[in-house]
Amino acid sequence: MRNQVDVIAPESSVVVYANIEGYEDRFQNIYAKFSDYPVTCSENCYPLSPVIQCETPMQDCVYTGEKREVTTDTGFHVTWLGHASFSITTDQGQHFLFDPVFDQFDWPVNWAFRLSEGFFRNKPAPLPQGALNNLDAVMYSHIHYDHFNKHDIGKIGTKPAYLVPLGFASHFGQGGYNITEMAWYASKRIGNTTLHFVPAHHFSNRILVPYIYEDENKSLWGGWVLENNGKTVFFAGDTGYSPHFRDIAERFGNIDICLLPIASYFSEEAPKFYRKVHTTPEDALVAAKELGCKAMVPWGYGNASWRMGDITSHSALFRLLHMYDELNAEVPLYILNEGESIDF
């Protein structure tokens, strides 16, 4: 059965293409040359924390700190499944998934990653039994293997709507999937919830056959804002820091719940590149302030991540707690272990 693919890219939406000869059809970031980071931790960035208990230094850890009292009243129930995967339900019974990846990387990259000194991650937290049968929509931020797994689509099935960036639908196998490709700031209403696709500062690629085929930035990347009954959840997707956070705040006002990445920024070989496309913990805290976040849930670290661009499984969380104090940050911080939930 053929997939149904719709495209939402009205004149009010935003798309930026590269100005490189021969690659004018490739997407690029809005602030492509941005590199002026407001804050950078340069020394003593990973002090020990009494509220993170680990089996080995900063590795295989559990956050044991006291849970902050929730002061919002949004009706959103948020579950962090691990890495970038979130389950969101509303008080009207709608159910959404962000970047669900329940397995390893798709073949053959799973084996290539292992052979190139990568490793298989621990299994992420499963969804409750029957939850996949009641999904309204699945949103993907971009096509990188740790955010989109073709094998998982078969498990999720054809019942929910799939909302994806421009150029993404071709990565689905034919099977009767209902797919909507969207430009930045395009919107789609599903039931009582409006889903807005918003910019991120990242890139996309998935396939490389030297001298034959590559798909560098052929599909778009971004984050999502869920708006329900005047309340908002922002899932940033993989992103580096740039003025796009302020742009999002200008459009949507203060965000009720911000799901912000804090990991994958570390690289001895290419530190500038990793910082460009992944927020450090201090970048995420600055972004949370600019977004007016009433609650921040960090993600990207954890025992079920691939630790790509991380010192250890929980180094980013240690740095976040340290920089939270150093910056006297005011955003309420809600730290989850994988599989934990919170009612906002």
C-alpha atoms as a PDB file:
ATOM      1  CA  MET A   1       0.000   0.000   0.000  1.00  0.00           C
ATOM      2  CA  ARG A   2       1.371   3.397  -0.991  1.00  0.00           C
ATOM      3  CA  ASN A   3       1.983   6.096   1.579  1.00  0.00           C
ATOM      4  CA  GLN A   4      -0.077   9.269   1.628  1.00  0.00           C
ATOM      5  CA  VAL A   5       2.275  12.253   1.687  1.00  0.00           C
ATOM      6  CA  ASP A   6       1.157  15.850   2.158  1.00  0.00           C
ATOM      7  CA  VAL A   7       3.377  18.937   2.272  1.00  0.00           C
ATOM      8  CA  ILE A   8       2.668  22.021   4.393  1.00  0.00           C
ATOM      9  CA  ALA A   9       4.824  24.987   3.402  1.00  0.00           C
ATOM     10  CA  PRO A  10       2.674  28.138   3.273  1.00  0.00           C
ATOM     11  CA  GLU A  11       4.083  31.569   2.453  1.00  0.00           C
ATOM     12  CA  SER A  12       4.208  32.326   6.177  1.00  0.00           C
ATOM     13  CA  SER A  13       6.607  29.424   6.767  1.00  0.00           C
ATOM     14  CA  VAL A  14      10.397  29.653   6.522  1.00  0.00           C
ATOM     15  CA  VAL A  15      12.848  27.636   4.417  1.00  0.00           C
ATOM     16  CA  VAL A  16      16.500  28.534   3.833  1.00  0.00           C
ATOM     17  CA  TYR A  17      18.507  26.970   1.010  1.00  0.00           C
ATOM     18  CA  ALA A  18      22.262  26.808   0.515  1.00  0.00           C
ATOM     19  CA  ASN A  19      23.881  29.273  -1.878  1.00  0.00           C
ATOM     20  CA  ILE A  20      26.607  26.864  -2.980  1.00  0.00           C
ATOM     21  CA  GLU A  21      26.707  26.181  -6.706  1.00  0.00           C
ATOM     22  CA  GLY A  22      25.285  22.768  -7.497  1.00  0.00           C
ATOM     23  CA  TYR A  23      23.701  22.433  -4.036  1.00  0.00           C
ATOM     24  CA  GLU A  24      21.021  25.102  -4.191  1.00  0.00           C
ATOM     25  CA  ASP A  25      18.393  22.478  -3.323  1.00  0.00           C
ATOM     26  CA  ARG A  26      20.042  21.720   0.045  1.00  0.00           C
ATOM     27  CA  PHE A  27      18.765  23.239   3.267  1.00  0.00           C
ATOM     28  CA  GLN A  28      20.841  25.317   5.657  1.00  0.00           C
ATOM     29  CA  ASN A  29      20.458  26.874   9.095  1.00  0.00           C
ATOM     30  CA  ILE A  30      18.871  30.289   9.448  1.00  0.00           C
ATOM     31  CA  TYR A  31      21.919  31.565  11.339  1.00  0.00           C
ATOM     32  CA  ALA A  32      24.470  29.521   9.455  1.00  0.00           C
ATOM     33  CA  LYS A  33      27.537  31.513  10.530  1.00  0.00           C
ATOM     34  CA  PHE A  34      26.587  32.042  14.167  1.00  0.00           C
ATOM     35  CA  SER A  35      29.349  31.340  16.706  1.00  0.00           C
ATOM     36  CA  ASP A  36      28.939  33.977  19.448  1.00  0.00           C
ATOM     37  CA  TYR A  37      28.050  31.861  22.491  1.00  0.00           C
ATOM     38  CA  PRO A  38      26.991  33.887  25.531  1.00  0.00           C
ATOM     39  CA  VAL A  39      28.528  31.532  28.139  1.00  0.00           C
ATOM     40  CA  THR A  40      31.187  28.838  28.012  1.00  0.00           C
ATOM     41  CA  CYS A  41      32.414  26.723  30.901  1.00  0.00           C
ATOM     42  CA  SER A  42      36.178  26.378  30.446  1.00  0.00           C
ATOM     43  CA  GLU A  43      37.472  24.737  33.630  1.00  0.00           C
ATOM     44  CA  ASN A  44      36.220  22.633  36.546  1.00  0.00           C
ATOM     45  CA  CYS A  45      33.041  21.943  34.577  1.00  0.00           C
ATOM     46  CA  TYR A  46      32.293  18.509  36.030  1.00  0.00           C
ATOM     47  CA  PRO A  47      32.409  18.651  39.841  1.00  0.00           C
ATOM     48  CA  LEU A  48      30.914  15.764  41.769  1.00  0.00           C
ATOM     49  CA  SER A  49      27.274  16.054  42.773  1.00  0.00           C
ATOM     50  CA  PRO A  50      25.663  14.430  45.828  1.00  0.00           C
ATOM     51  CA  VAL A  51      22.407  13.961  43.908  1.00  0.00           C
ATOM     52  CA  ILE A  52      23.844  11.756  41.136  1.00  0.00           C
ATOM     53  CA  GLN A  53      24.787   8.214  42.164  1.00  0.00           C
ATOM     54  CA  CYS A  54      27.027   6.321  39.705  1.00  0.00           C
ATOM     55  CA  GLU A  55      28.517   2.843  39.415  1.00  0.00           C
ATOM     56  CA  THR A  56      31.759   4.304  38.054  1.00  0.00           C
ATOM     57  CA  PRO A  57      32.803   7.981  37.701  1.00  0.00           C
ATOM     58  CA  MET A  58      29.981   9.818  35.866  1.00  0.00           C
ATOM     59  CA  GLN A  59      28.987   6.510  34.241  1.00  0.00           C
ATOM     60  CA  ASP A  60      25.860   4.331  34.682  1.00  0.00           C
ATOM     61  CA  CYS A  61      24.175   6.786  37.012  1.00  0.00           C
ATOM     62  CA  VAL A  62      20.843   7.570  38.645  1.00  0.00           C
ATOM     63  CA  TYR A  63      19.667  11.032  39.605  1.00  0.00           C
ATOM     64  CA  THR A  64      18.546  10.860  43.237  1.00  0.00           C
ATOM     65  CA  GLY A  65      17.798  14.512  43.960  1.00  0.00           C
ATOM     66  CA  GLU A  66      14.545  15.659  45.464  1.00  0.00           C
ATOM     67  CA  LYS A  67      11.847  16.174  42.857  1.00  0.00           C
ATOM     68  CA  ARG A  68      10.837  19.803  42.433  1.00  0.00           C
ATOM     69  CA  GLU A  69       7.188  20.610  43.078  1.00  0.00           C
ATOM     70  CA  VAL A  70       5.298  21.265  39.845  1.00  0.00           C
ATOM     71  CA  THR A  71       3.734  24.719  39.723  1.00  0.00           C
ATOM     72  CA  THR A  72       2.407  24.634  36.155  1.00  0.00           C
ATOM     73  CA  ASP A  73      -1.114  23.534  35.226  1.00  0.00           C
ATOM     74  CA  THR A  74      -0.878  22.522  31.590  1.00  0.00           C
ATOM     75  CA  GLY A  75      -2.552  19.112  31.440  1.00  0.00           C
ATOM     76  CA  PHE A  76       0.545  17.585  29.781  1.00  0.00           C
ATOM     77  CA  HIS A  77       1.910  14.270  31.046  1.00  0.00           C
ATOM     78  CA  VAL A  78       5.569  13.917  29.994  1.00  0.00           C
ATOM     79  CA  THR A  79       7.546  10.658  29.959  1.00  0.00           C
ATOM     80  CA  TRP A  80      11.218  10.554  29.004  1.00  0.00           C
ATOM     81  CA  LEU A  81      11.858   7.218  27.292  1.00  0.00           C
ATOM     82  CA  GLY A  82      15.579   7.870  26.827  1.00  0.00           C
ATOM     83  CA  HIS A  83      17.992   9.785  24.576  1.00  0.00           C
ATOM     84  CA  ALA A  84      15.653  12.073  22.561  1.00  0.00           C
ATOM     85  CA  SER A  85      12.462  10.007  22.828  1.00  0.00           C
ATOM     86  CA  PHE A  86       9.468  11.462  24.677  1.00  0.00           C
ATOM     87  CA  SER A  87       5.864  10.417  25.160  1.00  0.00           C
ATOM     88  CA  ILE A  88       3.397  13.282  25.664  1.00  0.00           C
ATOM     89  CA  THR A  89      -0.265  12.906  26.610  1.00  0.00           C
ATOM     90  CA  THR A  90      -2.876  15.602  27.159  1.00  0.00           C
ATOM     91  CA  ASP A  91      -5.653  15.724  29.711  1.00  0.00           C
ATOM     92  CA  GLN A  92      -8.096  15.171  26.838  1.00  0.00           C
ATOM     93  CA  GLY A  93      -6.470  11.793  26.126  1.00  0.00           C
ATOM     94  CA  GLN A  94      -4.369  12.634  23.071  1.00  0.00           C
ATOM     95  CA  HIS A  95      -1.017  10.851  22.786  1.00  0.00           C
ATOM     96  CA  PHE A  96       2.069  12.035  20.898  1.00  0.00           C
ATOM     97  CA  LEU A  97       5.631  10.762  20.463  1.00  0.00           C
ATOM     98  CA  PHE A  98       8.787  12.745  19.778  1.00  0.00           C
ATOM     99  CA  ASP A  99      11.678  10.951  18.026  1.00  0.00           C
ATOM    100  CA  PRO A 100      10.794   7.422  19.154  1.00  0.00           C
ATOM    101  CA  VAL A 101      13.768   5.043  18.808  1.00  0.00           C
ATOM    102  CA  PHE A 102      13.226   1.769  20.639  1.00  0.00           C
ATOM    103  CA  ASP A 103      15.971  -0.267  19.007  1.00  0.00           C
ATOM    104  CA  GLN A 104      19.594   0.151  17.928  1.00  0.00           C
ATOM    105  CA  PHE A 105      20.681   2.007  14.810  1.00  0.00           C
ATOM    106  CA  ASP A 106      19.194   0.685  11.576  1.00  0.00           C
ATOM    107  CA  TRP A 107      21.275  -1.903   9.714  1.00  0.00           C
ATOM    108  CA  PRO A 108      23.990  -1.639   8.453  1.00  0.00           C
ATOM    109  CA  VAL A 109      25.000   1.365  10.547  1.00  0.00           C
ATOM    110  CA  ASN A 110      24.417  -0.520  13.808  1.00  0.00           C
ATOM    111  CA  TRP A 111      27.245  -2.908  12.932  1.00  0.00           C
ATOM    112  CA  ALA A 112      29.439  -0.238  11.368  1.00  0.00           C
ATOM    113  CA  PHE A 113      29.065   1.862  14.496  1.00  0.00           C
ATOM    114  CA  ARG A 114      30.077  -1.065  16.684  1.00  0.00           C
ATOM    115  CA  LEU A 115      33.097  -1.901  14.540  1.00  0.00           C
ATOM    116  CA  SER A 116      34.242   1.738  14.582  1.00  0.00           C
ATOM    117  CA  GLU A 117      34.502   1.751  18.391  1.00  0.00           C
ATOM    118  CA  GLY A 118      30.874   2.621  18.967  1.00  0.00           C
ATOM    119  CA  PHE A 119      28.654   0.326  20.991  1.00  0.00           C
ATOM    120  CA  PHE A 120      25.083  -0.891  21.313  1.00  0.00           C
ATOM    121  CA  ARG A 121      23.123   1.182  23.808  1.00  0.00           C
ATOM    122  CA  ASN A 122      21.104  -0.245  26.646  1.00  0.00           C
ATOM    123  CA  LYS A 123      17.444  -0.729  25.834  1.00  0.00           C
ATOM    124  CA  PRO A 124      15.389   2.428  26.420  1.00  0.00           C
ATOM    125  CA  ALA A 125      12.321   2.478  28.624  1.00  0.00           C
ATOM    126  CA  PRO A 126       9.356   0.780  26.923  1.00  0.00           C
ATOM    127  CA  LEU A 127       5.980   2.382  26.450  1.00  0.00           C
ATOM    128  CA  PRO A 128       3.143   0.948  28.559  1.00  0.00           C
ATOM    129  CA  GLN A 129       1.444  -2.056  26.985  1.00  0.00           C
ATOM    130  CA  GLY A 130      -1.090  -0.963  24.405  1.00  0.00           C
ATOM    131  CA  ALA A 131       0.191   2.624  24.227  1.00  0.00           C
ATOM    132  CA  LEU A 132       1.226   2.270  20.587  1.00  0.00           C
ATOM    133  CA  ASN A 133      -2.371   1.415  19.706  1.00  0.00           C
ATOM    134  CA  ASN A 134      -3.634   4.804  20.892  1.00  0.00           C
ATOM    135  CA  LEU A 135      -1.196   7.215  19.281  1.00  0.00           C
ATOM    136  CA  ASP A 136      -2.499  10.334  17.580  1.00  0.00           C
ATOM    137  CA  ALA A 137       0.769  11.473  15.991  1.00  0.00           C
ATOM    138  CA  VAL A 138       4.494  10.799  15.827  1.00  0.00           C
ATOM    139  CA  MET A 139       6.874  13.716  15.238  1.00  0.00           C
ATOM    140  CA  TYR A 140      10.461  13.359  14.045  1.00  0.00           C
ATOM    141  CA  SER A 141      13.034  16.147  14.300  1.00  0.00           C
ATOM    142  CA  HIS A 142      15.459  14.882  11.621  1.00  0.00           C
ATOM    143  CA  ILE A 143      16.707  11.743   9.901  1.00  0.00           C
ATOM    144  CA  HIS A 144      19.814  10.935  11.950  1.00  0.00           C
ATOM    145  CA  TYR A 145      19.884   7.323  13.050  1.00  0.00           C
ATOM    146  CA  ASP A 146      19.591   8.037  16.768  1.00  0.00           C
ATOM    147  CA  HIS A 147      16.357   9.975  16.161  1.00  0.00           C
ATOM    148  CA  PHE A 148      14.679   7.944  13.407  1.00  0.00           C
ATOM    149  CA  ASN A 149      14.662   4.161  13.100  1.00  0.00           C
ATOM    150  CA  LYS A 150      12.876   2.518  10.182  1.00  0.00           C
ATOM    151  CA  HIS A 151      12.421  -0.743  12.085  1.00  0.00           C
ATOM    152  CA  ASP A 152      10.432   1.074  14.763  1.00  0.00           C
ATOM    153  CA  ILE A 153       7.934   2.424  12.226  1.00  0.00           C
ATOM    154  CA  GLY A 154       6.752  -1.125  11.635  1.00  0.00           C
ATOM    155  CA  LYS A 155       6.088  -1.485  15.362  1.00  0.00           C
ATOM    156  CA  ILE A 156       4.255   1.821  15.573  1.00  0.00           C
ATOM    157  CA  GLY A 157       2.108   1.050  12.527  1.00  0.00           C
ATOM    158  CA  THR A 158      -0.091   3.116  10.240  1.00  0.00           C
ATOM    159  CA  LYS A 159      -2.727   4.361  12.667  1.00  0.00           C
ATOM    160  CA  PRO A 160      -1.045   7.598  13.836  1.00  0.00           C
ATOM    161  CA  ALA A 161      -0.203  10.582  11.684  1.00  0.00           C
ATOM    162  CA  TYR A 162       3.513  11.081  11.048  1.00  0.00           C
ATOM    163  CA  LEU A 163       4.748  14.672  11.018  1.00  0.00           C
ATOM    164  CA  VAL A 164       8.236  15.174   9.613  1.00  0.00           C
ATOM    165  CA  PRO A 165      10.530  17.855   8.121  1.00  0.00           C
ATOM    166  CA  LEU A 166      10.576  18.637   4.393  1.00  0.00           C
ATOM    167  CA  GLY A 167      12.315  15.945   2.337  1.00  0.00           C
ATOM    168  CA  PHE A 168      11.846  13.282   5.004  1.00  0.00           C
ATOM    169  CA  ALA A 169       9.007  11.107   3.638  1.00  0.00           C
ATOM    170  CA  SER A 170      11.187   9.264   1.118  1.00  0.00           C
ATOM    171  CA  HIS A 171      12.906   7.506   4.030  1.00  0.00           C
ATOM    172  CA  PHE A 172       9.687   5.675   4.906  1.00  0.00           C
ATOM    173  CA  GLY A 173       9.113   2.325   3.251  1.00  0.00           C
ATOM    174  CA  GLN A 174       5.803   1.979   1.434  1.00  0.00           C
ATOM    175  CA  GLY A 175       3.158   0.628   3.774  1.00  0.00           C
ATOM    176  CA  GLY A 176       0.206   2.976   3.891  1.00  0.00           C
ATOM    177  CA  TYR A 177       1.668   5.561   6.246  1.00  0.00           C
ATOM    178  CA  ASN A 178       0.024   8.982   6.575  1.00  0.00           C
ATOM    179  CA  ILE A 179       2.950  11.421   6.392  1.00  0.00           C
ATOM    180  CA  THR A 180       2.959  15.227   6.472  1.00  0.00           C
ATOM    181  CA  GLU A 181       6.172  17.049   5.562  1.00  0.00           C
ATOM    182  CA  MET A 182       6.446  20.524   7.032  1.00  0.00           C
ATOM    183  CA  ALA A 183       8.556  23.671   6.621  1.00  0.00           C
ATOM    184  CA  TRP A 184       9.716  25.756   9.583  1.00  0.00           C
ATOM    185  CA  TYR A 185       6.758  27.490  11.238  1.00  0.00           C
ATOM    186  CA  ALA A 186       4.235  25.375   9.361  1.00  0.00           C
ATOM    187  CA  SER A 187       1.392  24.051  11.526  1.00  0.00           C
ATOM    188  CA  LYS A 188      -1.058  21.170  11.579  1.00  0.00           C
ATOM    189  CA  ARG A 189      -4.013  20.670  13.893  1.00  0.00           C
ATOM    190  CA  ILE A 190      -4.799  17.190  15.205  1.00  0.00           C
ATOM    191  CA  GLY A 191      -7.815  17.019  17.471  1.00  0.00           C
ATOM    192  CA  ASN A 192      -7.448  19.612  20.219  1.00  0.00           C
ATOM    193  CA  THR A 193      -3.723  20.115  19.622  1.00  0.00           C
ATOM    194  CA  THR A 194      -1.875  22.258  17.088  1.00  0.00           C
ATOM    195  CA  LEU A 195       1.595  21.027  16.160  1.00  0.00           C
ATOM    196  CA  HIS A 196       4.096  23.618  14.943  1.00  0.00           C
ATOM    197  CA  PHE A 197       7.393  22.698  13.273  1.00  0.00           C
ATOM    198  CA  VAL A 198      10.073  25.191  14.285  1.00  0.00           C
ATOM    199  CA  PRO A 199      13.752  25.811  13.433  1.00  0.00           C
ATOM    200  CA  ALA A 200      16.774  24.151  14.985  1.00  0.00           C
ATOM    201  CA  HIS A 201      20.485  24.760  14.369  1.00  0.00           C
ATOM    202  CA  HIS A 202      21.653  21.371  13.113  1.00  0.00           C
ATOM    203  CA  PHE A 203      22.057  19.378   9.864  1.00  0.00           C
ATOM    204  CA  SER A 204      20.877  16.138   8.259  1.00  0.00           C
ATOM    205  CA  ASN A 205      22.358  13.146   6.497  1.00  0.00           C
ATOM    206  CA  ARG A 206      21.811   9.416   6.438  1.00  0.00           C
ATOM    207  CA  ILE A 207      23.247   7.801   3.318  1.00  0.00           C
ATOM    208  CA  LEU A 208      26.793   7.959   1.957  1.00  0.00           C
ATOM    209  CA  VAL A 209      28.022   5.850  -0.938  1.00  0.00           C
ATOM    210  CA  PRO A 210      31.321   7.484  -1.980  1.00  0.00           C
ATOM    211  CA  TYR A 211      31.269   8.942  -5.515  1.00  0.00           C
ATOM    212  CA  ILE A 212      27.747   7.582  -6.074  1.00  0.00           C
ATOM    213  CA  TYR A 213      25.237   9.087  -3.623  1.00  0.00           C
ATOM    214  CA  GLU A 214      24.984  11.305  -0.558  1.00  0.00           C
ATOM    215  CA  ASP A 215      22.068  13.103   1.056  1.00  0.00           C
ATOM    216  CA  GLU A 216      23.766  15.878   3.037  1.00  0.00           C
ATOM    217  CA  ASN A 217      21.046  18.372   4.072  1.00  0.00           C
ATOM    218  CA  LYS A 218      18.552  17.085   1.505  1.00  0.00           C
ATOM    219  CA  SER A 219      15.952  16.901   4.264  1.00  0.00           C
ATOM    220  CA  LEU A 220      15.175  19.602   6.804  1.00  0.00           C
ATOM    221  CA  TRP A 221      15.631  19.434  10.597  1.00  0.00           C
ATOM    222  CA  GLY A 222      13.909  21.209  13.455  1.00  0.00           C
ATOM    223  CA  GLY A 223      11.943  21.079  16.696  1.00  0.00           C
ATOM    224  CA  TRP A 224       8.274  21.000  17.624  1.00  0.00           C
ATOM    225  CA  VAL A 225       5.872  23.129  19.631  1.00  0.00           C
ATOM    226  CA  LEU A 226       2.696  21.411  20.816  1.00  0.00           C
ATOM    227  CA  GLU A 227      -0.069  23.867  21.641  1.00  0.00           C
ATOM    228  CA  ASN A 228      -3.112  22.658  23.534  1.00  0.00           C
ATOM    229  CA  ASN A 229      -5.687  24.838  25.292  1.00  0.00           C
ATOM    230  CA  GLY A 230      -3.260  27.770  25.292  1.00  0.00           C
ATOM    231  CA  LYS A 231      -0.432  25.719  26.870  1.00  0.00           C
ATOM    232  CA  THR A 232       2.795  24.764  25.099  1.00  0.00           C
ATOM    233  CA  VAL A 233       5.456  22.061  25.047  1.00  0.00           C
ATOM    234  CA  PHE A 234       8.652  22.742  23.093  1.00  0.00           C
ATOM    235  CA  PHE A 235      10.838  19.841  21.956  1.00  0.00           C
ATOM    236  CA  ALA A 236      14.033  21.369  20.571  1.00  0.00           C
ATOM    237  CA  GLY A 237      15.365  18.349  18.648  1.00  0.00           C
ATOM    238  CA  ASP A 238      19.107  18.148  18.138  1.00  0.00           C
ATOM    239  CA  THR A 239      20.350  21.724  17.948  1.00  0.00           C
ATOM    240  CA  GLY A 240      23.184  24.052  18.680  1.00  0.00           C
ATOM    241  CA  TYR A 241      22.622  27.423  20.275  1.00  0.00           C
ATOM    242  CA  SER A 242      21.703  30.300  17.949  1.00  0.00           C
ATOM    243  CA  PRO A 243      19.240  33.236  17.834  1.00  0.00           C
ATOM    244  CA  HIS A 244      16.542  30.843  16.585  1.00  0.00           C
ATOM    245  CA  PHE A 245      15.509  30.348  20.222  1.00  0.00           C
ATOM    246  CA  ARG A 246      14.646  34.037  20.522  1.00  0.00           C
ATOM    247  CA  ASP A 247      12.747  33.825  17.228  1.00  0.00           C
ATOM    248  CA  ILE A 248      10.626  30.972  18.586  1.00  0.00           C
ATOM    249  CA  ALA A 249       9.903  32.936  21.755  1.00  0.00           C
ATOM    250  CA  GLU A 250       8.783  35.927  19.679  1.00  0.00           C
ATOM    251  CA  ARG A 251       6.232  33.758  17.899  1.00  0.00           C
ATOM    252  CA  PHE A 252       4.895  31.702  20.793  1.00  0.00           C
ATOM    253  CA  GLY A 253       5.591  33.747  23.911  1.00  0.00           C
ATOM    254  CA  ASN A 254       6.862  32.121  27.090  1.00  0.00           C
ATOM    255  CA  ILE A 255       6.939  28.336  26.727  1.00  0.00           C
ATOM    256  CA  ASP A 256       5.325  26.263  29.488  1.00  0.00           C
ATOM    257  CA  ILE A 257       7.480  23.135  29.169  1.00  0.00           C
ATOM    258  CA  CYS A 258      10.863  23.053  27.409  1.00  0.00           C
ATOM    259  CA  LEU A 259      12.447  19.716  26.521  1.00  0.00           C
ATOM    260  CA  LEU A 260      16.036  20.774  25.831  1.00  0.00           C
ATOM    261  CA  PRO A 261      19.134  18.741  24.840  1.00  0.00           C
ATOM    262  CA  ILE A 262      22.278  19.111  26.941  1.00  0.00           C
ATOM    263  CA  ALA A 263      24.612  16.443  25.495  1.00  0.00           C
ATOM    264  CA  SER A 264      26.710  15.409  22.468  1.00  0.00           C
ATOM    265  CA  TYR A 265      28.738  18.631  22.448  1.00  0.00           C
ATOM    266  CA  PHE A 266      32.128  17.159  23.391  1.00  0.00           C
ATOM    267  CA  SER A 267      34.820  16.338  20.840  1.00  0.00           C
ATOM    268  CA  GLU A 268      38.583  16.577  21.086  1.00  0.00           C
ATOM    269  CA  GLU A 269      38.928  16.277  17.290  1.00  0.00           C
ATOM    270  CA  ALA A 270      36.207  18.719  16.195  1.00  0.00           C
ATOM    271  CA  PRO A 271      35.077  20.806  19.192  1.00  0.00           C
ATOM    272  CA  LYS A 272      33.792  23.754  17.146  1.00  0.00           C
ATOM    273  CA  PHE A 273      31.600  21.557  14.962  1.00  0.00           C
ATOM    274  CA  TYR A 274      30.085  19.619  17.865  1.00  0.00           C
ATOM    275  CA  ARG A 275      29.366  22.851  19.741  1.00  0.00           C
ATOM    276  CA  LYS A 276      27.816  24.319  16.593  1.00  0.00           C
ATOM    277  CA  VAL A 277      25.184  21.582  16.290  1.00  0.00           C
ATOM    278  CA  HIS A 278      24.614  20.526  19.920  1.00  0.00           C
ATOM    279  CA  THR A 279      23.921  22.722  22.925  1.00  0.00           C
ATOM    280  CA  THR A 280      26.193  22.524  25.924  1.00  0.00           C
ATOM    281  CA  PRO A 281      24.379  22.515  29.282  1.00  0.00           C
ATOM    282  CA  GLU A 282      25.078  26.232  29.652  1.00  0.00           C
ATOM    283  CA  ASP A 283      23.785  26.851  26.114  1.00  0.00           C
ATOM    284  CA  ALA A 284      20.573  25.057  27.078  1.00  0.00           C
ATOM    285  CA  LEU A 285      20.195  27.200  30.200  1.00  0.00           C
ATOM    286  CA  VAL A 286      20.652  30.381  28.157  1.00  0.00           C
ATOM    287  CA  ALA A 287      18.100  29.097  25.640  1.00  0.00           C
ATOM    288  CA  ALA A 288      15.648  28.312  28.450  1.00  0.00           C
ATOM    289  CA  LYS A 289      15.885  31.902  29.661  1.00  0.00           C
ATOM    290  CA  GLU A 290      15.379  33.298  26.163  1.00  0.00           C
ATOM    291  CA  LEU A 291      12.385  30.998  25.623  1.00  0.00           C
ATOM    292  CA  GLY A 292      10.817  32.052  28.913  1.00  0.00           C
ATOM    293  CA  CYS A 293      10.548  28.395  29.918  1.00  0.00           C
ATOM    294  CA  LYS A 294       8.319  27.839  32.946  1.00  0.00           C
ATOM    295  CA  ALA A 295       9.805  24.344  33.270  1.00  0.00           C
ATOM    296  CA  MET A 296      12.892  22.727  31.714  1.00  0.00           C
ATOM    297  CA  VAL A 297      13.421  18.993  31.226  1.00  0.00           C
ATOM    298  CA  PRO A 298      16.947  18.154  30.002  1.00  0.00           C
ATOM    299  CA  TRP A 299      17.688  15.165  27.761  1.00  0.00           C
ATOM    300  CA  GLY A 300      20.446  13.520  25.722  1.00  0.00           C
ATOM    301  CA  TYR A 301      22.479  12.064  28.597  1.00  0.00           C
ATOM    302  CA  GLY A 302      21.625   8.734  30.201  1.00  0.00           C
ATOM    303  CA  ASN A 303      22.230   5.016  30.443  1.00  0.00           C
ATOM    304  CA  ALA A 304      20.327   4.339  27.200  1.00  0.00           C
ATOM    305  CA  SER A 305      22.141   6.879  25.027  1.00  0.00           C
ATOM    306  CA  TRP A 306      24.878   6.148  22.498  1.00  0.00           C
ATOM    307  CA  ARG A 307      27.261   8.605  24.198  1.00  0.00           C
ATOM    308  CA  MET A 308      28.175  10.218  20.916  1.00  0.00           C
ATOM    309  CA  GLY A 309      30.010  13.426  21.739  1.00  0.00           C
ATOM    310  CA  ASP A 310      29.923  12.807  25.492  1.00  0.00           C
ATOM    311  CA  ILE A 311      32.657  12.144  28.018  1.00  0.00           C
ATOM    312  CA  THR A 312      30.515   9.627  29.912  1.00  0.00           C
ATOM    313  CA  SER A 313      26.849   8.681  30.144  1.00  0.00           C
ATOM    314  CA  HIS A 314      26.072  11.450  32.667  1.00  0.00           C
ATOM    315  CA  SER A 315      28.864  14.006  32.273  1.00  0.00           C
ATOM    316  CA  ALA A 316      26.426  16.467  30.699  1.00  0.00           C
ATOM    317  CA  LEU A 317      24.107  16.248  33.711  1.00  0.00           C
ATOM    318  CA  PHE A 318      26.983  16.935  36.117  1.00  0.00           C
ATOM    319  CA  ARG A 319      27.884  19.988  34.040  1.00  0.00           C
ATOM    320  CA  LEU A 320      24.259  21.151  33.915  1.00  0.00           C
ATOM    321  CA  LEU A 321      23.906  21.122  37.711  1.00  0.00           C
ATOM    322  CA  HIS A 322      27.220  22.948  38.062  1.00  0.00           C
ATOM    323  CA  MET A 323      26.360  25.648  35.513  1.00  0.00           C
ATOM    324  CA  TYR A 324      22.846  26.016  36.912  1.00  0.00           C
ATOM    325  CA  ASP A 325      24.456  27.240  40.131  1.00  0.00           C
ATOM    326  CA  GLU A 326      27.189  29.241  38.384  1.00  0.00           C
ATOM    327  CA  LEU A 327      24.640  31.157  36.294  1.00  0.00           C
ATOM    328  CA  ASN A 328      22.126  31.530  39.137  1.00  0.00           C
ATOM    329  CA  ALA A 329      19.585  30.154  36.675  1.00  0.00           C
ATOM    330  CA  GLU A 330      15.954  30.750  37.550  1.00  0.00           C
ATOM    331  CA  VAL A 331      14.197  28.322  35.212  1.00  0.00           C
ATOM    332  CA  PRO A 332      12.630  25.487  37.249  1.00  0.00           C
ATOM    333  CA  LEU A 333      14.656  22.375  36.412  1.00  0.00           C
ATOM    334  CA  TYR A 334      12.965  18.960  36.350  1.00  0.00           C
ATOM    335  CA  ILE A 335      15.476  16.122  36.001  1.00  0.00           C
ATOM    336  CA  LEU A 336      14.216  12.676  35.027  1.00  0.00           C
ATOM    337  CA  ASN A 337      15.835   9.280  34.848  1.00  0.00           C
ATOM    338  CA  GLU A 338      14.944   7.293  31.746  1.00  0.00           C
ATOM    339  CA  GLY A 339      11.423   5.923  31.962  1.00  0.00           C
ATOM    340  CA  GLU A 340      10.241   8.454  34.536  1.00  0.00           C
ATOM    341  CA  SER A 341       7.188  10.675  34.086  1.00  0.00           C
ATOM    342  CA  ILE A 342       5.928  13.960  35.400  1.00  0.00           C
ATOM    343  CA  ASP A 343       2.556  15.701  35.275  1.00  0.00           C
ATOM    344  CA  PHE A 344       2.793  19.362  34.371  1.00  0.00           C
END
